[in-house]
PDB file of N, CA and C in Angstrom:
ATOM      1  N   MET A   1     -75.117 178.961  94.296  1.00  0.00           N
ATOM      2  CA  MET A   1     -75.642 180.040  95.117  1.00  0.00           C
ATOM      3  C   MET A   1     -75.201 179.825  96.559  1.00  0.00           C
ATOM      4  N   PHE A   2     -74.754 180.890  97.185  1.00  0.00           N
ATOM      5  CA  PHE A   2     -74.264 180.819  98.554  1.00  0.00           C
ATOM      6  C   PHE A   2     -75.399 180.948  99.559  1.00  0.00           C
ATOM      7  N   GLU A   3     -75.191 180.339 100.716  1.00  0.00           N
ATOM      8  CA  GLU A   3     -76.085 180.548 101.852  1.00  0.00           C
ATOM      9  C   GLU A   3     -75.482 181.676 102.678  1.00  0.00           C
ATOM     10  N   PHE A   4     -76.276 182.694 102.988  1.00  0.00           N
ATOM     11  CA  PHE A   4     -75.816 183.813 103.792  1.00  0.00           C
ATOM     12  C   PHE A   4     -76.186 183.565 105.243  1.00  0.00           C
ATOM     13  N   ILE A   5     -75.186 183.630 106.106  1.00  0.00           N
ATOM     14  CA  ILE A   5     -75.384 183.412 107.534  1.00  0.00           C
ATOM     15  C   ILE A   5     -75.030 184.716 108.239  1.00  0.00           C
ATOM     16  N   GLU A   6     -75.972 185.261 108.987  1.00  0.00           N
ATOM     17  CA  GLU A   6     -75.768 186.537 109.663  1.00  0.00           C
ATOM     18  C   GLU A   6     -75.438 186.326 111.133  1.00  0.00           C
ATOM     19  N   THR A   7     -74.468 187.090 111.619  1.00  0.00           N
ATOM     20  CA  THR A   7     -74.233 187.130 113.054  1.00  0.00           C
ATOM     21  C   THR A   7     -75.305 188.024 113.676  1.00  0.00           C
ATOM     22  N   PRO A   8     -75.589 187.854 114.963  1.00  0.00           N
ATOM     23  CA  PRO A   8     -76.581 188.722 115.613  1.00  0.00           C
ATOM     24  C   PRO A   8     -76.219 190.209 115.497  1.00  0.00           C
ATOM     25  N   PHE A   9     -74.936 190.519 115.574  1.00  0.00           N
ATOM     26  CA  PHE A   9     -74.511 191.916 115.473  1.00  0.00           C
ATOM     27  C   PHE A   9     -74.818 192.477 114.090  1.00  0.00           C
ATOM     28  N   PHE A  10     -74.579 191.690 113.044  1.00  0.00           N
ATOM     29  CA  PHE A  10     -74.887 192.125 111.682  1.00  0.00           C
ATOM     30  C   PHE A  10     -76.388 192.386 111.549  1.00  0.00           C
ATOM     31  N   THR A  11     -77.187 191.429 111.987  1.00  0.00           N
ATOM     32  CA  THR A  11     -78.641 191.548 111.876  1.00  0.00           C
ATOM     33  C   THR A  11     -79.150 192.773 112.632  1.00  0.00           C
ATOM     34  N   LYS A  12     -78.594 193.008 113.818  1.00  0.00           N
ATOM     35  CA  LYS A  12     -79.011 194.133 114.644  1.00  0.00           C
ATOM     36  C   LYS A  12     -78.764 195.471 113.944  1.00  0.00           C
ATOM     37  N   ASN A  13     -77.678 195.583 113.205  1.00  0.00           N
ATOM     38  CA  ASN A  13     -77.305 196.846 112.571  1.00  0.00           C
ATOM     39  C   ASN A  13     -77.765 196.981 111.124  1.00  0.00           C
ATOM     40  N   LEU A  14     -78.272 195.924 110.549  1.00  0.00           N
ATOM     41  CA  LEU A  14     -78.617 195.916 109.132  1.00  0.00           C
ATOM     42  C   LEU A  14     -79.617 197.012 108.759  1.00  0.00           C
ATOM     43  N   ASP A  15     -80.706 197.133 109.518  1.00  0.00           N
ATOM     44  CA  ASP A  15     -81.748 198.113 109.193  1.00  0.00           C
ATOM     45  C   ASP A  15     -81.248 199.552 109.245  1.00  0.00           C
ATOM     46  N   ARG A  16     -80.208 199.791 110.000  1.00  0.00           N
ATOM     47  CA  ARG A  16     -79.651 201.136 110.103  1.00  0.00           C
ATOM     48  C   ARG A  16     -79.023 201.575 108.778  1.00  0.00           C
ATOM     49  N   TYR A  17     -78.522 200.617 108.005  1.00  0.00           N
ATOM     50  CA  TYR A  17     -77.749 200.943 106.810  1.00  0.00           C
ATOM     51  C   TYR A  17     -78.382 200.524 105.486  1.00  0.00           C
ATOM     52  N   LEU A  18     -79.129 199.425 105.475  1.00  0.00           N
ATOM     53  CA  LEU A  18     -79.669 198.911 104.210  1.00  0.00           C
ATOM     54  C   LEU A  18     -81.134 198.517 104.368  1.00  0.00           C
ATOM     55  N   ASP A  19     -81.944 198.865 103.363  1.00  0.00           N
ATOM     56  CA  ASP A  19     -83.311 198.352 103.363  1.00  0.00           C
ATOM     57  C   ASP A  19     -83.300 196.970 102.694  1.00  0.00           C
ATOM     58  N   ASP A  20     -84.448 196.316 102.623  1.00  0.00           N
ATOM     59  CA  ASP A  20     -84.512 194.946 102.097  1.00  0.00           C
ATOM     60  C   ASP A  20     -83.994 194.841 100.667  1.00  0.00           C
ATOM     61  N   ASP A  21     -84.381 195.790  99.821  1.00  0.00           N
ATOM     62  CA  ASP A  21     -83.935 195.751  98.422  1.00  0.00           C
ATOM     63  C   ASP A  21     -82.426 195.946  98.306  1.00  0.00           C
ATOM     64  N   GLN A  22     -81.886 196.859  99.095  1.00  0.00           N
ATOM     65  CA  GLN A  22     -80.445 197.105  99.059  1.00  0.00           C
ATOM     66  C   GLN A  22     -79.667 195.893  99.573  1.00  0.00           C
ATOM     67  N   TYR A  23     -80.209 195.229 100.591  1.00  0.00           N
ATOM     68  CA  TYR A  23     -79.540 194.037 101.116  1.00  0.00           C
ATOM     69  C   TYR A  23     -79.572 192.908 100.085  1.00  0.00           C
ATOM     70  N   ARG A  24     -80.702 192.747  99.411  1.00  0.00           N
ATOM     71  CA  ARG A  24     -80.780 191.738  98.340  1.00  0.00           C
ATOM     72  C   ARG A  24     -79.766 192.042  97.238  1.00  0.00           C
ATOM     73  N   GLU A  25     -79.606 193.319  96.914  1.00  0.00           N
ATOM     74  CA  GLU A  25     -78.631 193.728  95.904  1.00  0.00           C
ATOM     75  C   GLU A  25     -77.212 193.360  96.351  1.00  0.00           C
ATOM     76  N   LEU A  26     -76.907 193.589  97.621  1.00  0.00           N
ATOM     77  CA  LEU A  26     -75.601 193.215  98.167  1.00  0.00           C
ATOM     78  C   LEU A  26     -75.406 191.702  98.095  1.00  0.00           C
ATOM     79  N   GLN A  27     -76.411 190.936  98.498  1.00  0.00           N
ATOM     80  CA  GLN A  27     -76.312 189.479  98.450  1.00  0.00           C
ATOM     81  C   GLN A  27     -76.123 188.981  97.018  1.00  0.00           C
ATOM     82  N   THR A  28     -76.841 189.567  96.084  1.00  0.00           N
ATOM     83  CA  THR A  28     -76.700 189.186  94.673  1.00  0.00           C
ATOM     84  C   THR A  28     -75.283 189.466  94.190  1.00  0.00           C
ATOM     85  N   TYR A  29     -74.753 190.615  94.581  1.00  0.00           N
ATOM     86  CA  TYR A  29     -73.387 190.973  94.192  1.00  0.00           C
ATOM     87  C   TYR A  29     -72.382 189.975  94.777  1.00  0.00           C
ATOM     88  N   LEU A  30     -72.495 189.697  96.078  1.00  0.00           N
ATOM     89  CA  LEU A  30     -71.556 188.770  96.716  1.00  0.00           C
ATOM     90  C   LEU A  30     -71.708 187.355  96.174  1.00  0.00           C
ATOM     91  N   ASP A  31     -72.909 186.976  95.818  1.00  0.00           N
ATOM     92  CA  ASP A  31     -73.126 185.657  95.237  1.00  0.00           C
ATOM     93  C   ASP A  31     -72.367 185.527  93.915  1.00  0.00           C
ATOM     94  N   ALA A  32     -72.341 186.598  93.137  1.00  0.00           N
ATOM     95  CA  ALA A  32     -71.644 186.591  91.846  1.00  0.00           C
ATOM     96  C   ALA A  32     -70.150 186.875  91.979  1.00  0.00           C
ATOM     97  N   HIS A  33     -69.765 187.622  93.028  1.00  0.00           N
ATOM     98  CA  HIS A  33     -68.365 188.036  93.216  1.00  0.00           C
ATOM     99  C   HIS A  33     -67.944 187.795  94.670  1.00  0.00           C
ATOM    100  N   PRO A  34     -67.907 186.560  95.128  1.00  0.00           N
ATOM    101  CA  PRO A  34     -67.675 186.301  96.554  1.00  0.00           C
ATOM    102  C   PRO A  34     -66.302 186.727  97.068  1.00  0.00           C
ATOM    103  N   GLU A  35     -65.329 186.837  96.189  1.00  0.00           N
ATOM    104  CA  GLU A  35     -63.983 187.204  96.635  1.00  0.00           C
ATOM    105  C   GLU A  35     -63.676 188.677  96.383  1.00  0.00           C
ATOM    106  N   SER A  36     -64.696 189.496  96.212  1.00  0.00           N
ATOM    107  CA  SER A  36     -64.470 190.896  95.859  1.00  0.00           C
ATOM    108  C   SER A  36     -63.928 191.735  97.010  1.00  0.00           C
ATOM    109  N   GLY A  37     -64.245 191.389  98.235  1.00  0.00           N
ATOM    110  CA  GLY A  37     -63.712 192.138  99.370  1.00  0.00           C
ATOM    111  C   GLY A  37     -62.250 191.816  99.594  1.00  0.00           C
ATOM    112  N   LYS A  38     -61.516 192.811 100.093  1.00  0.00           N
ATOM    113  CA  LYS A  38     -60.097 192.600 100.387  1.00  0.00           C
ATOM    114  C   LYS A  38     -59.957 191.844 101.705  1.00  0.00           C
ATOM    115  N   VAL A  39     -59.032 190.885 101.739  1.00  0.00           N
ATOM    116  CA  VAL A  39     -58.781 190.137 102.970  1.00  0.00           C
ATOM    117  C   VAL A  39     -58.127 191.076 103.979  1.00  0.00           C
ATOM    118  N   VAL A  40     -58.651 191.093 105.196  1.00  0.00           N
ATOM    119  CA  VAL A  40     -58.121 191.928 106.261  1.00  0.00           C
ATOM    120  C   VAL A  40     -56.919 191.211 106.866  1.00  0.00           C
ATOM    121  N   PRO A  41     -55.732 191.831 106.831  1.00  0.00           N
ATOM    122  CA  PRO A  41     -54.538 191.180 107.379  1.00  0.00           C
ATOM    123  C   PRO A  41     -54.729 190.782 108.847  1.00  0.00           C
ATOM    124  N   GLY A  42     -54.291 189.577 109.181  1.00  0.00           N
ATOM    125  CA  GLY A  42     -54.354 189.088 110.551  1.00  0.00           C
ATOM    126  C   GLY A  42     -55.728 188.645 111.007  1.00  0.00           C
ATOM    127  N   SER A  43     -56.654 188.463 110.067  1.00  0.00           N
ATOM    128  CA  SER A  43     -58.034 188.151 110.444  1.00  0.00           C
ATOM    129  C   SER A  43     -58.419 186.695 110.239  1.00  0.00           C
ATOM    130  N   GLY A  44     -57.550 185.910 109.627  1.00  0.00           N
ATOM    131  CA  GLY A  44     -57.900 184.527 109.349  1.00  0.00           C
ATOM    132  C   GLY A  44     -58.799 184.360 108.136  1.00  0.00           C
ATOM    133  N   GLY A  45     -58.840 185.372 107.275  1.00  0.00           N
ATOM    134  CA  GLY A  45     -59.625 185.263 106.050  1.00  0.00           C
ATOM    135  C   GLY A  45     -60.850 186.153 105.973  1.00  0.00           C
ATOM    136  N   VAL A  46     -61.063 186.978 106.983  1.00  0.00           N
ATOM    137  CA  VAL A  46     -62.186 187.915 106.960  1.00  0.00           C
ATOM    138  C   VAL A  46     -61.957 188.926 105.840  1.00  0.00           C
ATOM    139  N   ARG A  47     -63.024 189.286 105.151  1.00  0.00           N
ATOM    140  CA  ARG A  47     -62.937 190.235 104.033  1.00  0.00           C
ATOM    141  C   ARG A  47     -63.717 191.507 104.352  1.00  0.00           C
ATOM    142  N   LYS A  48     -63.214 192.617 103.804  1.00  0.00           N
ATOM    143  CA  LYS A  48     -63.870 193.917 103.966  1.00  0.00           C
ATOM    144  C   LYS A  48     -64.212 194.449 102.581  1.00  0.00           C
ATOM    145  N   LEU A  49     -65.483 194.711 102.360  1.00  0.00           N
ATOM    146  CA  LEU A  49     -65.976 195.199 101.077  1.00  0.00           C
ATOM    147  C   LEU A  49     -66.480 196.628 101.227  1.00  0.00           C
ATOM    148  N   ARG A  50     -66.047 197.496 100.330  1.00  0.00           N
ATOM    149  CA  ARG A  50     -66.625 198.839 100.265  1.00  0.00           C
ATOM    150  C   ARG A  50     -67.940 198.738  99.506  1.00  0.00           C
ATOM    151  N   TRP A  51     -68.979 199.337 100.076  1.00  0.00           N
ATOM    152  CA  TRP A  51     -70.294 199.255  99.446  1.00  0.00           C
ATOM    153  C   TRP A  51     -70.957 200.630  99.508  1.00  0.00           C
ATOM    154  N   ALA A  52     -71.538 201.048  98.407  1.00  0.00           N
ATOM    155  CA  ALA A  52     -72.188 202.359  98.340  1.00  0.00           C
ATOM    156  C   ALA A  52     -73.430 202.389  99.225  1.00  0.00           C
ATOM    157  N   ALA A  53     -73.486 203.387 100.094  1.00  0.00           N
ATOM    158  CA  ALA A  53     -74.650 203.555 100.962  1.00  0.00           C
ATOM    159  C   ALA A  53     -75.693 204.412 100.256  1.00  0.00           C
ATOM    160  N   LYS A  54     -76.824 204.555 100.891  1.00  0.00           N
ATOM    161  CA  LYS A  54     -77.917 205.349 100.329  1.00  0.00           C
ATOM    162  C   LYS A  54     -77.424 206.746  99.956  1.00  0.00           C
ATOM    163  N   GLY A  55     -77.452 207.062  98.659  1.00  0.00           N
ATOM    164  CA  GLY A  55     -77.125 208.400  98.201  1.00  0.00           C
ATOM    165  C   GLY A  55     -75.668 208.799  98.283  1.00  0.00           C
ATOM    166  N   ARG A  56     -74.756 207.841  98.523  1.00  0.00           N
ATOM    167  CA  ARG A  56     -73.335 208.171  98.621  1.00  0.00           C
ATOM    168  C   ARG A  56     -72.532 207.191  97.787  1.00  0.00           C
ATOM    169  N   GLY A  57     -71.356 207.601  97.418  1.00  0.00           N
ATOM    170  CA  GLY A  57     -70.458 206.719  96.676  1.00  0.00           C
ATOM    171  C   GLY A  57     -69.754 205.749  97.599  1.00  0.00           C
ATOM    172  N   LYS A  58     -68.898 204.906  97.022  1.00  0.00           N
ATOM    173  CA  LYS A  58     -68.193 203.889  97.810  1.00  0.00           C
ATOM    174  C   LYS A  58     -67.314 204.494  98.896  1.00  0.00           C
ATOM    175  N   ARG A  59     -66.618 205.582  98.601  1.00  0.00           N
ATOM    176  CA  ARG A  59     -65.685 206.153  99.587  1.00  0.00           C
ATOM    177  C   ARG A  59     -66.403 206.679 100.825  1.00  0.00           C
ATOM    178  N   GLY A  60     -67.608 207.149 100.669  1.00  0.00           N
ATOM    179  CA  GLY A  60     -68.363 207.640 101.812  1.00  0.00           C
ATOM    180  C   GLY A  60     -69.412 206.657 102.272  1.00  0.00           C
ATOM    181  N   GLY A  61     -69.332 205.450 101.807  1.00  0.00           N
ATOM    182  CA  GLY A  61     -70.381 204.473 102.045  1.00  0.00           C
ATOM    183  C   GLY A  61     -70.140 203.546 103.207  1.00  0.00           C
ATOM    184  N   LEU A  62     -70.489 202.305 102.998  1.00  0.00           N
ATOM    185  CA  LEU A  62     -70.444 201.284 104.041  1.00  0.00           C
ATOM    186  C   LEU A  62     -69.236 200.384 103.898  1.00  0.00           C
ATOM    187  N   ARG A  63     -68.929 199.730 104.990  1.00  0.00           N
ATOM    188  CA  ARG A  63     -67.960 198.646 104.991  1.00  0.00           C
ATOM    189  C   ARG A  63     -68.721 197.405 105.429  1.00  0.00           C
ATOM    190  N   ILE A  64     -68.657 196.390 104.587  1.00  0.00           N
ATOM    191  CA  ILE A  64     -69.311 195.116 104.871  1.00  0.00           C
ATOM    192  C   ILE A  64     -68.207 194.134 105.234  1.00  0.00           C
ATOM    193  N   ILE A  65     -68.287 193.554 106.408  1.00  0.00           N
ATOM    194  CA  ILE A  65     -67.282 192.610 106.876  1.00  0.00           C
ATOM    195  C   ILE A  65     -67.904 191.219 106.813  1.00  0.00           C
ATOM    196  N   TYR A  66     -67.236 190.338 106.065  1.00  0.00           N
ATOM    197  CA  TYR A  66     -67.788 188.998 105.866  1.00  0.00           C
ATOM    198  C   TYR A  66     -66.672 187.964 105.776  1.00  0.00           C
ATOM    199  N   TYR A  67     -67.071 186.717 105.919  1.00  0.00           N
ATOM    200  CA  TYR A  67     -66.138 185.595 105.815  1.00  0.00           C
ATOM    201  C   TYR A  67     -66.692 184.621 104.785  1.00  0.00           C
ATOM    202  N   LEU A  68     -65.875 184.301 103.815  1.00  0.00           N
ATOM    203  CA  LEU A  68     -66.264 183.411 102.725  1.00  0.00           C
ATOM    204  C   LEU A  68     -65.814 181.996 103.032  1.00  0.00           C
ATOM    205  N   ARG A  69     -66.751 181.078 103.000  1.00  0.00           N
ATOM    206  CA  ARG A  69     -66.447 179.660 103.209  1.00  0.00           C
ATOM    207  C   ARG A  69     -66.818 178.916 101.929  1.00  0.00           C
ATOM    208  N   LEU A  70     -65.918 178.977 100.932  1.00  0.00           N
ATOM    209  CA  LEU A  70     -66.194 178.410  99.611  1.00  0.00           C
ATOM    210  C   LEU A  70     -66.586 176.941  99.661  1.00  0.00           C
ATOM    211  N   ALA A  71     -65.832 176.148 100.417  1.00  0.00           N
ATOM    212  CA  ALA A  71     -66.053 174.701 100.441  1.00  0.00           C
ATOM    213  C   ALA A  71     -67.469 174.342 100.901  1.00  0.00           C
ATOM    214  N   ARG A  72     -68.024 175.138 101.785  1.00  0.00           N
ATOM    215  CA  ARG A  72     -69.370 174.858 102.297  1.00  0.00           C
ATOM    216  C   ARG A  72     -70.449 175.692 101.624  1.00  0.00           C
ATOM    217  N   GLY A  73     -70.031 176.638 100.793  1.00  0.00           N
ATOM    218  CA  GLY A  73     -71.008 177.496 100.132  1.00  0.00           C
ATOM    219  C   GLY A  73     -71.648 178.501 101.068  1.00  0.00           C
ATOM    220  N   HIS A  74     -70.881 178.954 102.067  1.00  0.00           N
ATOM    221  CA  HIS A  74     -71.394 179.902 103.051  1.00  0.00           C
ATOM    222  C   HIS A  74     -70.695 181.248 102.917  1.00  0.00           C
ATOM    223  N   ILE A  75     -71.450 182.301 103.126  1.00  0.00           N
ATOM    224  CA  ILE A  75     -70.890 183.629 103.338  1.00  0.00           C
ATOM    225  C   ILE A  75     -71.421 184.096 104.686  1.00  0.00           C
ATOM    226  N   TRP A  76     -70.504 184.264 105.629  1.00  0.00           N
ATOM    227  CA  TRP A  76     -70.852 184.721 106.969  1.00  0.00           C
ATOM    228  C   TRP A  76     -70.835 186.241 106.970  1.00  0.00           C
ATOM    229  N   MET A  77     -71.966 186.848 107.221  1.00  0.00           N
ATOM    230  CA  MET A  77     -72.076 188.301 107.310  1.00  0.00           C
ATOM    231  C   MET A  77     -71.780 188.677 108.759  1.00  0.00           C
ATOM    232  N   LEU A  78     -70.589 189.226 108.989  1.00  0.00           N
ATOM    233  CA  LEU A  78     -70.121 189.461 110.349  1.00  0.00           C
ATOM    234  C   LEU A  78     -70.576 190.799 110.918  1.00  0.00           C
ATOM    235  N   THR A  79     -70.344 191.870 110.181  1.00  0.00           N
ATOM    236  CA  THR A  79     -70.771 193.189 110.632  1.00  0.00           C
ATOM    237  C   THR A  79     -70.782 194.150 109.454  1.00  0.00           C
ATOM    238  N   LEU A  80     -71.365 195.294 109.670  1.00  0.00           N
ATOM    239  CA  LEU A  80     -71.333 196.372 108.688  1.00  0.00           C
ATOM    240  C   LEU A  80     -71.347 197.684 109.445  1.00  0.00           C
ATOM    241  N   TYR A  81     -70.751 198.706 108.844  1.00  0.00           N
ATOM    242  CA  TYR A  81     -70.697 200.011 109.487  1.00  0.00           C
ATOM    243  C   TYR A  81     -70.420 201.078 108.439  1.00  0.00           C
ATOM    244  N   GLY A  82     -70.753 202.306 108.784  1.00  0.00           N
ATOM    245  CA  GLY A  82     -70.458 203.426 107.911  1.00  0.00           C
ATOM    246  C   GLY A  82     -68.994 203.799 108.019  1.00  0.00           C
ATOM    247  N   LYS A  83     -68.415 204.191 106.907  1.00  0.00           N
ATOM    248  CA  LYS A  83     -67.004 204.585 106.918  1.00  0.00           C
ATOM    249  C   LYS A  83     -66.789 205.739 107.885  1.00  0.00           C
ATOM    250  N   ASN A  84     -67.784 206.607 108.007  1.00  0.00           N
ATOM    251  CA  ASN A  84     -67.645 207.732 108.924  1.00  0.00           C
ATOM    252  C   ASN A  84     -67.647 207.288 110.386  1.00  0.00           C
ATOM    253  N   VAL A  85     -68.091 206.068 110.659  1.00  0.00           N
ATOM    254  CA  VAL A  85     -68.115 205.553 112.030  1.00  0.00           C
ATOM    255  C   VAL A  85     -66.731 205.092 112.451  1.00  0.00           C
ATOM    256  N   ARG A  86     -66.062 204.349 111.579  1.00  0.00           N
ATOM    257  CA  ARG A  86     -64.691 203.901 111.871  1.00  0.00           C
ATOM    258  C   ARG A  86     -64.019 203.541 110.563  1.00  0.00           C
ATOM    259  N   GLU A  87     -62.720 203.658 110.540  1.00  0.00           N
ATOM    260  CA  GLU A  87     -61.963 203.354 109.322  1.00  0.00           C
ATOM    261  C   GLU A  87     -61.456 201.915 109.348  1.00  0.00           C
ATOM    262  N   ASP A  88     -60.881 201.510 110.462  1.00  0.00           N
ATOM    263  CA  ASP A  88     -60.294 200.176 110.559  1.00  0.00           C
ATOM    264  C   ASP A  88     -60.997 199.365 111.639  1.00  0.00           C
ATOM    265  N   ILE A  89     -60.815 198.074 111.561  1.00  0.00           N
ATOM    266  CA  ILE A  89     -61.379 197.169 112.558  1.00  0.00           C
ATOM    267  C   ILE A  89     -60.385 197.073 113.710  1.00  0.00           C
ATOM    268  N   PRO A  90     -60.818 197.323 114.956  1.00  0.00           N
ATOM    269  CA  PRO A  90     -59.904 197.237 116.092  1.00  0.00           C
ATOM    270  C   PRO A  90     -59.288 195.840 116.224  1.00  0.00           C
ATOM    271  N   ALA A  91     -58.063 195.787 116.732  1.00  0.00           N
ATOM    272  CA  ALA A  91     -57.313 194.531 116.843  1.00  0.00           C
ATOM    273  C   ALA A  91     -58.062 193.486 117.673  1.00  0.00           C
ATOM    274  N   HIS A  92     -58.697 193.897 118.772  1.00  0.00           N
ATOM    275  CA  HIS A  92     -59.400 192.917 119.614  1.00  0.00           C
ATOM    276  C   HIS A  92     -60.606 192.315 118.888  1.00  0.00           C
ATOM    277  N   VAL A  93     -61.231 193.092 118.020  1.00  0.00           N
ATOM    278  CA  VAL A  93     -62.358 192.572 117.237  1.00  0.00           C
ATOM    279  C   VAL A  93     -61.848 191.586 116.190  1.00  0.00           C
ATOM    280  N   LEU A  94     -60.734 191.930 115.543  1.00  0.00           N
ATOM    281  CA  LEU A  94     -60.121 191.011 114.576  1.00  0.00           C
ATOM    282  C   LEU A  94     -59.771 189.683 115.229  1.00  0.00           C
ATOM    283  N   LYS A  95     -59.213 189.757 116.436  1.00  0.00           N
ATOM    284  CA  LYS A  95     -58.826 188.540 117.151  1.00  0.00           C
ATOM    285  C   LYS A  95     -60.057 187.677 117.436  1.00  0.00           C
ATOM    286  N   ALA A  96     -61.139 188.302 117.883  1.00  0.00           N
ATOM    287  CA  ALA A  96     -62.368 187.556 118.179  1.00  0.00           C
ATOM    288  C   ALA A  96     -62.944 186.923 116.915  1.00  0.00           C
ATOM    289  N   MET A  97     -62.906 187.666 115.804  1.00  0.00           N
ATOM    290  CA  MET A  97     -63.399 187.119 114.534  1.00  0.00           C
ATOM    291  C   MET A  97     -62.563 185.928 114.100  1.00  0.00           C
ATOM    292  N   LYS A  98     -61.252 186.069 114.217  1.00  0.00           N
ATOM    293  CA  LYS A  98     -60.347 184.993 113.813  1.00  0.00           C
ATOM    294  C   LYS A  98     -60.604 183.735 114.640  1.00  0.00           C
ATOM    295  N   GLU A  99     -60.778 183.894 115.953  1.00  0.00           N
ATOM    296  CA  GLU A  99     -61.050 182.746 116.823  1.00  0.00           C
ATOM    297  C   GLU A  99     -62.378 182.085 116.459  1.00  0.00           C
ATOM    298  N   ALA A 100     -63.390 182.891 116.189  1.00  0.00           N
ATOM    299  CA  ALA A 100     -64.698 182.342 115.814  1.00  0.00           C
ATOM    300  C   ALA A 100     -64.608 181.580 114.499  1.00  0.00           C
ATOM    301  N   ILE A 101     -63.832 182.106 113.570  1.00  0.00           N
ATOM    302  CA  ILE A 101     -63.662 181.447 112.274  1.00  0.00           C
ATOM    303  C   ILE A 101     -62.911 180.137 112.434  1.00  0.00           C
ATOM    304  N   GLU A 102     -61.874 180.142 113.257  1.00  0.00           N
ATOM    305  CA  GLU A 102     -61.119 178.910 113.483  1.00  0.00           C
ATOM    306  C   GLU A 102     -62.005 177.854 114.130  1.00  0.00           C
ATOM    307  N   ASP A 103     -62.882 178.263 115.054  1.00  0.00           N
ATOM    308  CA  ASP A 103     -63.830 177.324 115.661  1.00  0.00           C
ATOM    309  C   ASP A 103     -64.775 176.765 114.600  1.00  0.00           C
ATOM    310  N   GLU A 104     -65.230 177.620 113.681  1.00  0.00           N
ATOM    311  CA  GLU A 104     -66.142 177.208 112.608  1.00  0.00           C
ATOM    312  C   GLU A 104     -65.446 176.240 111.666  1.00  0.00           C
ATOM    313  N   LYS A 105     -64.170 176.471 111.395  1.00  0.00           N
ATOM    314  CA  LYS A 105     -63.415 175.595 110.499  1.00  0.00           C
ATOM    315  C   LYS A 105     -63.275 174.197 111.087  1.00  0.00           C
ATOM    316  N   ASP A 106     -63.216 174.128 112.420  1.00  0.00           N
ATOM    317  CA  ASP A 106     -63.060 172.837 113.089  1.00  0.00           C
ATOM    318  C   ASP A 106     -64.335 171.999 113.037  1.00  0.00           C
ATOM    319  N   ASP A 107     -65.481 172.647 112.834  1.00  0.00           N
ATOM    320  CA  ASP A 107     -66.766 171.915 112.783  1.00  0.00           C
ATOM    321  C   ASP A 107     -66.894 171.089 111.534  1.00  0.00           C
TER     322      ASP A 107
END
């Protein structure tokens, strides 16, 4: 079983998109399928998962951005957003995520 670690930004936005039961469902899914999200090119291993939002299918749903740390049994929940909010992750955000991940790898 993985330990889920949330960034402050993820935690801040979580209630906007998922209730407690839906978040538990997401965690259960990721625990069973940790590599299901596609690796975002140039991100240092960050993954993007399509997830069905309340009353909508995957295409109109959420994007869950996370980092899988298999060796330590961690899944870092980085951010989440509605597909209608943005399609891709901006380059400067990817760079910041990659740097944070590299710092975490050094620990």
